[in-house]
Amino acid sequence: MPELPEVETFKRYLDKTSLNQIIKSIKIIDNRVLNVDEFDLKKLVINNKFTSSNRHGKYLLVNLEQGILIMHFGMTGDLEYYNKRQEDPKYSKVIFQFSNDFKLAYTSRRMFGRLYIAKSIEEFIESKKLGPDAFKMSLEEFKEALNRRTAILKNAMLNQSFIAGIGNIYSDEILFRAKLHPKSRLDALDEKKVKDLFTNIKDVLQFGIDKEGDLSSYPQNFLIPHRKKEEKCPICKNEIVSIDLSGRRGYYCPNCQVE
């Protein structure tokens, strides 16, 4: 599930715990999460340091002296920093051992996460055909991404080549706040709706970052606590409706979000 707010939380966690420490060794428990040769990964990280990090969309890009380690967290990925005397976390797939006797575990319960390496951030973004980062993008970049697109709005929000970082849950909240139906078409949005959508993307993602991706802490006036059957809209009290688009189930209020 990790979407942009969760990955931003992982970035800040890694920055706080794991930067500028010599990596003594790396333990690869399950190489199915690797989209890179084990030898190349070890060569990149062993006896080097994580010097800084960036995030683009749902990807965490960790800078080393001679390249970049990219972490994608799939649906259940996470990071855990801990003392070597502690037991390795459950579902650990790759573990970095630092010279200060602490470790950083990359975990993935359902195996959808992946690790990559790249020479530059730009190279990786281009290889994955990622659109602008949903939280960092300017209004001009958003309008450029919209240009010449005719897709259904919900599908477009989930398309990482359109804008990067938004998934199923946050797209529902954004469309709810913007009062836009999930099946609205991008090319039917007037300038006011485009600006409203842009503002709500930023506001919803900022709120998610402030909450460190903890969906259980959301107040009742958000749609997120009501994304299930027989729930009521927090604004108008009409019943929330589910919708399946391209194999993804979303939720919306048919009264507040008119097509």
C-alpha atoms as a PDB file:
ATOM      1  CA  MET A   1       0.000   0.000   0.000  1.00  0.00           C
ATOM      2  CA  PRO A   2       2.780   2.550   0.621  1.00  0.00           C
ATOM      3  CA  GLU A   3       1.917   5.667  -1.373  1.00  0.00           C
ATOM      4  CA  LEU A   4       3.741   8.978  -1.445  1.00  0.00           C
ATOM      5  CA  PRO A   5       3.104   9.999   2.219  1.00  0.00           C
ATOM      6  CA  GLU A   6       4.280   6.621   3.503  1.00  0.00           C
ATOM      7  CA  VAL A   7       7.420   6.661   1.349  1.00  0.00           C
ATOM      8  CA  GLU A   8       8.172  10.222   2.467  1.00  0.00           C
ATOM      9  CA  THR A   9       7.918   8.907   6.033  1.00  0.00           C
ATOM     10  CA  PHE A  10      10.372   6.106   5.167  1.00  0.00           C
ATOM     11  CA  LYS A  11      12.733   8.695   3.651  1.00  0.00           C
ATOM     12  CA  ARG A  12      12.739  10.802   6.814  1.00  0.00           C
ATOM     13  CA  TYR A  13      13.229   7.685   8.919  1.00  0.00           C
ATOM     14  CA  LEU A  14      16.232   6.598   6.851  1.00  0.00           C
ATOM     15  CA  ASP A  15      17.687  10.128   6.971  1.00  0.00           C
ATOM     16  CA  LYS A  16      17.342  10.199  10.749  1.00  0.00           C
ATOM     17  CA  THR A  17      18.815   6.764  11.407  1.00  0.00           C
ATOM     18  CA  SER A  18      21.080   5.549   8.628  1.00  0.00           C
ATOM     19  CA  LEU A  19      23.029   8.307   6.859  1.00  0.00           C
ATOM     20  CA  ASN A  20      26.824   8.657   6.867  1.00  0.00           C
ATOM     21  CA  GLN A  21      27.590   5.304   8.456  1.00  0.00           C
ATOM     22  CA  ILE A  22      29.935   2.784   6.869  1.00  0.00           C
ATOM     23  CA  ILE A  23      28.042  -0.263   5.577  1.00  0.00           C
ATOM     24  CA  LYS A  24      30.126  -3.231   6.687  1.00  0.00           C
ATOM     25  CA  SER A  25      28.061  -5.907   4.999  1.00  0.00           C
ATOM     26  CA  ILE A  26      24.759  -6.692   3.364  1.00  0.00           C
ATOM     27  CA  LYS A  27      22.684  -9.801   3.976  1.00  0.00           C
ATOM     28  CA  ILE A  28      20.362 -10.828   1.153  1.00  0.00           C
ATOM     29  CA  ILE A  29      17.734 -13.141   2.601  1.00  0.00           C
ATOM     30  CA  ASP A  30      15.472 -13.334  -0.446  1.00  0.00           C
ATOM     31  CA  ASN A  31      16.872 -12.242  -3.798  1.00  0.00           C
ATOM     32  CA  ARG A  32      13.421 -12.191  -5.385  1.00  0.00           C
ATOM     33  CA  VAL A  33      13.136  -8.565  -4.299  1.00  0.00           C
ATOM     34  CA  LEU A  34      16.247  -7.643  -6.300  1.00  0.00           C
ATOM     35  CA  ASN A  35      16.011  -6.062  -9.730  1.00  0.00           C
ATOM     36  CA  VAL A  36      19.798  -5.966  -9.757  1.00  0.00           C
ATOM     37  CA  ASP A  37      22.603  -8.510  -9.733  1.00  0.00           C
ATOM     38  CA  GLU A  38      23.689  -9.386  -6.185  1.00  0.00           C
ATOM     39  CA  PHE A  39      27.338  -8.742  -7.010  1.00  0.00           C
ATOM     40  CA  ASP A  40      26.581  -5.243  -8.340  1.00  0.00           C
ATOM     41  CA  LEU A  41      24.488  -4.405  -5.277  1.00  0.00           C
ATOM     42  CA  LYS A  42      27.218  -5.529  -2.871  1.00  0.00           C
ATOM     43  CA  LYS A  43      29.850  -3.641  -4.847  1.00  0.00           C
ATOM     44  CA  LEU A  44      27.779  -0.458  -4.618  1.00  0.00           C
ATOM     45  CA  VAL A  45      27.041  -0.511  -0.893  1.00  0.00           C
ATOM     46  CA  ILE A  46      29.740  -2.424   1.032  1.00  0.00           C
ATOM     47  CA  ASN A  47      32.330  -0.086   2.605  1.00  0.00           C
ATOM     48  CA  ASN A  48      30.297   2.884   1.414  1.00  0.00           C
ATOM     49  CA  LYS A  49      27.731   5.172   3.064  1.00  0.00           C
ATOM     50  CA  PHE A  50      24.209   6.358   2.455  1.00  0.00           C
ATOM     51  CA  THR A  51      25.062  10.032   1.971  1.00  0.00           C
ATOM     52  CA  SER A  52      21.584  11.480   1.377  1.00  0.00           C
ATOM     53  CA  SER A  53      18.204  10.491  -0.012  1.00  0.00           C
ATOM     54  CA  ASN A  54      15.493  11.710  -2.363  1.00  0.00           C
ATOM     55  CA  ARG A  55      11.979  10.564  -3.093  1.00  0.00           C
ATOM     56  CA  HIS A  56      10.175  10.564  -6.414  1.00  0.00           C
ATOM     57  CA  GLY A  57       6.613   9.339  -6.320  1.00  0.00           C
ATOM     58  CA  LYS A  58       6.575   5.999  -4.512  1.00  0.00           C
ATOM     59  CA  TYR A  59      10.327   5.413  -4.913  1.00  0.00           C
ATOM     60  CA  LEU A  60      12.982   6.124  -2.288  1.00  0.00           C
ATOM     61  CA  LEU A  61      16.318   6.930  -3.931  1.00  0.00           C
ATOM     62  CA  VAL A  62      19.302   6.589  -1.605  1.00  0.00           C
ATOM     63  CA  ASN A  63      22.543   8.250  -2.708  1.00  0.00           C
ATOM     64  CA  LEU A  64      25.877   6.524  -2.234  1.00  0.00           C
ATOM     65  CA  GLU A  65      29.299   7.714  -3.324  1.00  0.00           C
ATOM     66  CA  GLN A  66      29.185   5.992  -6.719  1.00  0.00           C
ATOM     67  CA  GLY A  67      25.535   5.384  -7.509  1.00  0.00           C
ATOM     68  CA  ILE A  68      21.996   5.222  -6.245  1.00  0.00           C
ATOM     69  CA  LEU A  69      20.085   2.488  -4.453  1.00  0.00           C
ATOM     70  CA  ILE A  70      16.358   2.633  -5.207  1.00  0.00           C
ATOM     71  CA  MET A  71      13.768   1.146  -2.894  1.00  0.00           C
ATOM     72  CA  HIS A  72      10.196   0.433  -3.935  1.00  0.00           C
ATOM     73  CA  PHE A  73       7.930  -0.834  -1.186  1.00  0.00           C
ATOM     74  CA  GLY A  74       5.087  -2.513  -3.073  1.00  0.00           C
ATOM     75  CA  MET A  75       2.046  -3.062  -0.862  1.00  0.00           C
ATOM     76  CA  THR A  76       3.668  -4.099   2.421  1.00  0.00           C
ATOM     77  CA  GLY A  77       7.242  -2.857   2.392  1.00  0.00           C
ATOM     78  CA  ASP A  78       8.892  -1.081   5.324  1.00  0.00           C
ATOM     79  CA  LEU A  79      12.233  -0.144   6.898  1.00  0.00           C
ATOM     80  CA  GLU A  80      13.451  -0.954  10.413  1.00  0.00           C
ATOM     81  CA  TYR A  81      16.626   0.300  12.090  1.00  0.00           C
ATOM     82  CA  TYR A  82      17.717  -1.734  15.092  1.00  0.00           C
ATOM     83  CA  ASN A  83      20.641  -2.893  17.215  1.00  0.00           C
ATOM     84  CA  LYS A  84      22.456  -6.020  16.020  1.00  0.00           C
ATOM     85  CA  ARG A  85      21.662  -7.695  19.354  1.00  0.00           C
ATOM     86  CA  GLN A  86      17.967  -7.552  18.481  1.00  0.00           C
ATOM     87  CA  GLU A  87      16.286 -10.213  16.405  1.00  0.00           C
ATOM     88  CA  ASP A  88      15.966  -9.479  12.701  1.00  0.00           C
ATOM     89  CA  PRO A  89      12.477  -8.194  11.860  1.00  0.00           C
ATOM     90  CA  LYS A  90       9.958 -10.605  10.431  1.00  0.00           C
ATOM     91  CA  TYR A  91       9.774 -10.570   6.630  1.00  0.00           C
ATOM     92  CA  SER A  92      13.282  -9.065   6.316  1.00  0.00           C
ATOM     93  CA  LYS A  93      14.504  -9.456   2.743  1.00  0.00           C
ATOM     94  CA  VAL A  94      17.709  -7.381   2.709  1.00  0.00           C
ATOM     95  CA  ILE A  95      19.661  -6.226   5.774  1.00  0.00           C
ATOM     96  CA  PHE A  96      22.391  -3.570   5.817  1.00  0.00           C
ATOM     97  CA  GLN A  97      24.930  -3.910   8.668  1.00  0.00           C
ATOM     98  CA  PHE A  98      26.537  -0.623   9.748  1.00  0.00           C
ATOM     99  CA  SER A  99      29.859  -0.068  11.498  1.00  0.00           C
ATOM    100  CA  ASN A 100      28.073   1.272  14.623  1.00  0.00           C
ATOM    101  CA  ASP A 101      26.580  -2.195  15.265  1.00  0.00           C
ATOM    102  CA  PHE A 102      23.132  -1.194  14.048  1.00  0.00           C
ATOM    103  CA  LYS A 103      21.265  -2.629  11.091  1.00  0.00           C
ATOM    104  CA  LEU A 104      18.682  -1.413   8.582  1.00  0.00           C
ATOM    105  CA  ALA A 105      16.220  -4.047   7.369  1.00  0.00           C
ATOM    106  CA  TYR A 106      14.214  -3.723   4.182  1.00  0.00           C
ATOM    107  CA  THR A 107      11.090  -5.811   4.794  1.00  0.00           C
ATOM    108  CA  SER A 108       8.362  -6.953   2.430  1.00  0.00           C
ATOM    109  CA  ARG A 109       5.647  -9.281   3.617  1.00  0.00           C
ATOM    110  CA  ARG A 110       3.934  -9.883   0.268  1.00  0.00           C
ATOM    111  CA  MET A 111       7.010  -9.673  -1.957  1.00  0.00           C
ATOM    112  CA  PHE A 112       5.803  -6.803  -4.155  1.00  0.00           C
ATOM    113  CA  GLY A 113       8.680  -4.511  -3.159  1.00  0.00           C
ATOM    114  CA  ARG A 114      11.859  -4.239  -5.236  1.00  0.00           C
ATOM    115  CA  LEU A 115      15.407  -2.894  -4.985  1.00  0.00           C
ATOM    116  CA  TYR A 116      17.197  -1.346  -7.969  1.00  0.00           C
ATOM    117  CA  ILE A 117      20.418   0.540  -8.593  1.00  0.00           C
ATOM    118  CA  ALA A 118      21.010   3.417 -11.025  1.00  0.00           C
ATOM    119  CA  LYS A 119      23.733   5.863 -12.006  1.00  0.00           C
ATOM    120  CA  SER A 120      21.476   8.906 -11.570  1.00  0.00           C
ATOM    121  CA  ILE A 121      17.999   9.878 -10.437  1.00  0.00           C
ATOM    122  CA  GLU A 122      17.227  11.218 -13.905  1.00  0.00           C
ATOM    123  CA  GLU A 123      18.232   7.933 -15.522  1.00  0.00           C
ATOM    124  CA  PHE A 124      15.932   5.956 -13.226  1.00  0.00           C
ATOM    125  CA  ILE A 125      12.943   8.294 -13.648  1.00  0.00           C
ATOM    126  CA  GLU A 126      13.335   8.097 -17.413  1.00  0.00           C
ATOM    127  CA  SER A 127      13.695   4.294 -17.379  1.00  0.00           C
ATOM    128  CA  LYS A 128      10.460   3.953 -15.388  1.00  0.00           C
ATOM    129  CA  LYS A 129       8.696   6.651 -17.437  1.00  0.00           C
ATOM    130  CA  LEU A 130       7.610   8.403 -14.251  1.00  0.00           C
ATOM    131  CA  GLY A 131       5.643  11.644 -14.381  1.00  0.00           C
ATOM    132  CA  PRO A 132       6.323  14.628 -12.126  1.00  0.00           C
ATOM    133  CA  ASP A 133       6.280  14.000  -8.395  1.00  0.00           C
ATOM    134  CA  ALA A 134       2.744  14.677  -7.155  1.00  0.00           C
ATOM    135  CA  PHE A 135       3.891  16.568  -4.049  1.00  0.00           C
ATOM    136  CA  LYS A 136       6.785  18.540  -5.551  1.00  0.00           C
ATOM    137  CA  MET A 137       5.241  19.453  -8.910  1.00  0.00           C
ATOM    138  CA  SER A 138       4.249  23.024  -9.767  1.00  0.00           C
ATOM    139  CA  LEU A 139       0.862  24.010 -11.173  1.00  0.00           C
ATOM    140  CA  GLU A 140       2.547  24.528 -14.556  1.00  0.00           C
ATOM    141  CA  GLU A 141       3.989  20.996 -14.475  1.00  0.00           C
ATOM    142  CA  PHE A 142       0.556  19.625 -13.544  1.00  0.00           C
ATOM    143  CA  LYS A 143      -1.096  21.449 -16.432  1.00  0.00           C
ATOM    144  CA  GLU A 144       1.584  20.131 -18.776  1.00  0.00           C
ATOM    145  CA  ALA A 145       0.919  16.577 -17.558  1.00  0.00           C
ATOM    146  CA  LEU A 146      -2.799  17.116 -18.221  1.00  0.00           C
ATOM    147  CA  ASN A 147      -2.175  18.394 -21.726  1.00  0.00           C
ATOM    148  CA  ARG A 148      -3.607  16.178 -24.478  1.00  0.00           C
ATOM    149  CA  ARG A 149      -4.782  13.502 -22.065  1.00  0.00           C
ATOM    150  CA  THR A 150      -8.338  12.175 -22.328  1.00  0.00           C
ATOM    151  CA  ALA A 151      -8.318   9.473 -19.669  1.00  0.00           C
ATOM    152  CA  ILE A 152     -10.842   8.845 -16.909  1.00  0.00           C
ATOM    153  CA  LEU A 153      -9.771  10.853 -13.878  1.00  0.00           C
ATOM    154  CA  LYS A 154      -9.416   8.001 -11.379  1.00  0.00           C
ATOM    155  CA  ASN A 155      -7.363   5.930 -13.810  1.00  0.00           C
ATOM    156  CA  ALA A 156      -5.149   8.913 -14.614  1.00  0.00           C
ATOM    157  CA  MET A 157      -4.476   9.542 -10.927  1.00  0.00           C
ATOM    158  CA  LEU A 158      -3.204   5.968 -10.575  1.00  0.00           C
ATOM    159  CA  ASN A 159      -1.040   6.185 -13.711  1.00  0.00           C
ATOM    160  CA  GLN A 160       2.510   6.863 -12.494  1.00  0.00           C
ATOM    161  CA  SER A 161       3.536   8.188 -15.919  1.00  0.00           C
ATOM    162  CA  PHE A 162       0.929  10.941 -15.491  1.00  0.00           C
ATOM    163  CA  ILE A 163       1.952  12.043 -12.011  1.00  0.00           C
ATOM    164  CA  ALA A 164       3.992   9.894  -9.632  1.00  0.00           C
ATOM    165  CA  GLY A 165       3.112   8.989  -6.067  1.00  0.00           C
ATOM    166  CA  ILE A 166      -0.669   8.708  -5.801  1.00  0.00           C
ATOM    167  CA  GLY A 167      -2.355   5.344  -5.290  1.00  0.00           C
ATOM    168  CA  ASN A 168      -5.851   4.039  -4.751  1.00  0.00           C
ATOM    169  CA  ILE A 169      -6.529   5.373  -1.251  1.00  0.00           C
ATOM    170  CA  TYR A 170      -5.229   8.907  -1.636  1.00  0.00           C
ATOM    171  CA  SER A 171      -6.786   9.304  -5.093  1.00  0.00           C
ATOM    172  CA  ASP A 172     -10.218   8.634  -3.547  1.00  0.00           C
ATOM    173  CA  GLU A 173      -9.613  11.288  -0.902  1.00  0.00           C
ATOM    174  CA  ILE A 174      -8.332  13.826  -3.428  1.00  0.00           C
ATOM    175  CA  LEU A 175     -11.321  13.379  -5.746  1.00  0.00           C
ATOM    176  CA  PHE A 176     -13.716  13.529  -2.795  1.00  0.00           C
ATOM    177  CA  ARG A 177     -12.218  16.818  -1.590  1.00  0.00           C
ATOM    178  CA  ALA A 178     -12.231  18.242  -5.121  1.00  0.00           C
ATOM    179  CA  LYS A 179     -15.864  17.100  -5.581  1.00  0.00           C
ATOM    180  CA  LEU A 180     -14.971  15.256  -8.778  1.00  0.00           C
ATOM    181  CA  HIS A 181     -16.495  11.967  -9.908  1.00  0.00           C
ATOM    182  CA  PRO A 182     -13.936   9.173 -10.480  1.00  0.00           C
ATOM    183  CA  LYS A 183     -15.214   8.730 -14.057  1.00  0.00           C
ATOM    184  CA  SER A 184     -14.858  12.401 -14.979  1.00  0.00           C
ATOM    185  CA  ARG A 185     -12.604  12.907 -17.989  1.00  0.00           C
ATOM    186  CA  LEU A 186      -9.406  14.895 -17.795  1.00  0.00           C
ATOM    187  CA  ASP A 187     -10.172  16.835 -20.965  1.00  0.00           C
ATOM    188  CA  ALA A 188     -13.524  17.947 -19.522  1.00  0.00           C
ATOM    189  CA  LEU A 189     -11.966  19.805 -16.581  1.00  0.00           C
ATOM    190  CA  ASP A 190     -12.164  23.586 -16.813  1.00  0.00           C
ATOM    191  CA  GLU A 191      -9.404  25.801 -15.428  1.00  0.00           C
ATOM    192  CA  LYS A 192     -11.050  26.200 -12.027  1.00  0.00           C
ATOM    193  CA  LYS A 193     -11.442  22.440 -11.588  1.00  0.00           C
ATOM    194  CA  VAL A 194      -7.825  21.900 -12.630  1.00  0.00           C
ATOM    195  CA  LYS A 195      -6.647  24.372  -9.984  1.00  0.00           C
ATOM    196  CA  ASP A 196      -8.963  22.846  -7.365  1.00  0.00           C
ATOM    197  CA  LEU A 197      -7.657  19.367  -8.187  1.00  0.00           C
ATOM    198  CA  PHE A 198      -4.046  20.547  -7.954  1.00  0.00           C
ATOM    199  CA  THR A 199      -4.681  22.243  -4.596  1.00  0.00           C
ATOM    200  CA  ASN A 200      -6.357  19.154  -3.186  1.00  0.00           C
ATOM    201  CA  ILE A 201      -3.552  16.875  -4.359  1.00  0.00           C
ATOM    202  CA  LYS A 202      -1.083  18.997  -2.408  1.00  0.00           C
ATOM    203  CA  ASP A 203      -3.330  19.360   0.661  1.00  0.00           C
ATOM    204  CA  VAL A 204      -4.212  15.664   0.939  1.00  0.00           C
ATOM    205  CA  LEU A 205      -0.612  14.540   0.478  1.00  0.00           C
ATOM    206  CA  GLN A 206       0.634  17.115   3.012  1.00  0.00           C
ATOM    207  CA  PHE A 207      -1.929  15.876   5.525  1.00  0.00           C
ATOM    208  CA  GLY A 208      -0.802  12.285   4.887  1.00  0.00           C
ATOM    209  CA  ILE A 209       2.834  13.242   5.406  1.00  0.00           C
ATOM    210  CA  ASP A 210       1.966  15.070   8.631  1.00  0.00           C
ATOM    211  CA  LYS A 211       0.184  11.907   9.806  1.00  0.00           C
ATOM    212  CA  GLU A 212       3.217   9.807   8.749  1.00  0.00           C
ATOM    213  CA  GLY A 213       0.928   7.686   6.597  1.00  0.00           C
ATOM    214  CA  ASP A 214      -1.102   6.458   9.580  1.00  0.00           C
ATOM    215  CA  LEU A 215      -4.560   6.044   8.038  1.00  0.00           C
ATOM    216  CA  SER A 216      -6.056   4.942  11.363  1.00  0.00           C
ATOM    217  CA  SER A 217      -5.527   8.454  12.740  1.00  0.00           C
ATOM    218  CA  TYR A 218      -7.637  10.257  10.131  1.00  0.00           C
ATOM    219  CA  PRO A 219     -10.569  12.350  11.442  1.00  0.00           C
ATOM    220  CA  GLN A 220     -14.127  11.446  10.521  1.00  0.00           C
ATOM    221  CA  ASN A 221     -14.572  14.374   8.116  1.00  0.00           C
ATOM    222  CA  PHE A 222     -12.226  12.637   5.651  1.00  0.00           C
ATOM    223  CA  LEU A 223     -13.419   9.985   3.210  1.00  0.00           C
ATOM    224  CA  ILE A 224     -10.615   7.575   4.185  1.00  0.00           C
ATOM    225  CA  PRO A 225     -12.293   6.299   7.407  1.00  0.00           C
ATOM    226  CA  HIS A 226     -15.452   5.601   5.378  1.00  0.00           C
ATOM    227  CA  ARG A 227     -13.972   3.568   2.502  1.00  0.00           C
ATOM    228  CA  LYS A 228     -16.048   0.448   3.085  1.00  0.00           C
ATOM    229  CA  LYS A 229     -19.536  -0.948   2.533  1.00  0.00           C
ATOM    230  CA  GLU A 230     -22.558   0.688   4.138  1.00  0.00           C
ATOM    231  CA  GLU A 231     -20.601   3.744   5.250  1.00  0.00           C
ATOM    232  CA  LYS A 232     -22.030   7.249   4.995  1.00  0.00           C
ATOM    233  CA  CYS A 233     -20.532  10.332   3.400  1.00  0.00           C
ATOM    234  CA  PRO A 234     -19.074  12.550   6.146  1.00  0.00           C
ATOM    235  CA  ILE A 235     -20.478  15.642   4.391  1.00  0.00           C
ATOM    236  CA  CYS A 236     -23.986  14.811   3.142  1.00  0.00           C
ATOM    237  CA  LYS A 237     -24.621  11.462   4.942  1.00  0.00           C
ATOM    238  CA  ASN A 238     -25.574   9.704   1.695  1.00  0.00           C
ATOM    239  CA  GLU A 239     -24.244   6.167   1.272  1.00  0.00           C
ATOM    240  CA  ILE A 240     -20.699   5.790  -0.034  1.00  0.00           C
ATOM    241  CA  VAL A 241     -20.532   3.793  -3.279  1.00  0.00           C
ATOM    242  CA  SER A 242     -17.734   1.510  -4.482  1.00  0.00           C
ATOM    243  CA  ILE A 243     -16.548   1.527  -8.070  1.00  0.00           C
ATOM    244  CA  ASP A 244     -14.232  -0.822  -9.996  1.00  0.00           C
ATOM    245  CA  LEU A 245     -11.985   0.780 -12.596  1.00  0.00           C
ATOM    246  CA  SER A 246      -9.185  -1.138 -14.314  1.00  0.00           C
ATOM    247  CA  GLY A 247      -9.187  -3.768 -11.586  1.00  0.00           C
ATOM    248  CA  ARG A 248      -8.959  -1.279  -8.715  1.00  0.00           C
ATOM    249  CA  ARG A 249     -11.782  -0.661  -6.258  1.00  0.00           C
ATOM    250  CA  GLY A 250     -12.402   2.943  -5.274  1.00  0.00           C
ATOM    251  CA  TYR A 251     -15.007   4.763  -3.200  1.00  0.00           C
ATOM    252  CA  TYR A 252     -16.909   7.991  -3.719  1.00  0.00           C
ATOM    253  CA  CYS A 253     -20.067   9.873  -2.774  1.00  0.00           C
ATOM    254  CA  PRO A 254     -22.545   9.975  -5.684  1.00  0.00           C
ATOM    255  CA  ASN A 255     -24.202  13.058  -4.186  1.00  0.00           C
ATOM    256  CA  CYS A 256     -21.093  15.161  -3.587  1.00  0.00           C
ATOM    257  CA  GLN A 257     -19.152  13.891  -6.621  1.00  0.00           C
ATOM    258  CA  VAL A 258     -21.410  14.236  -9.650  1.00  0.00           C
ATOM    259  CA  GLU A 259     -20.151  13.042 -13.023  1.00  0.00           C
END
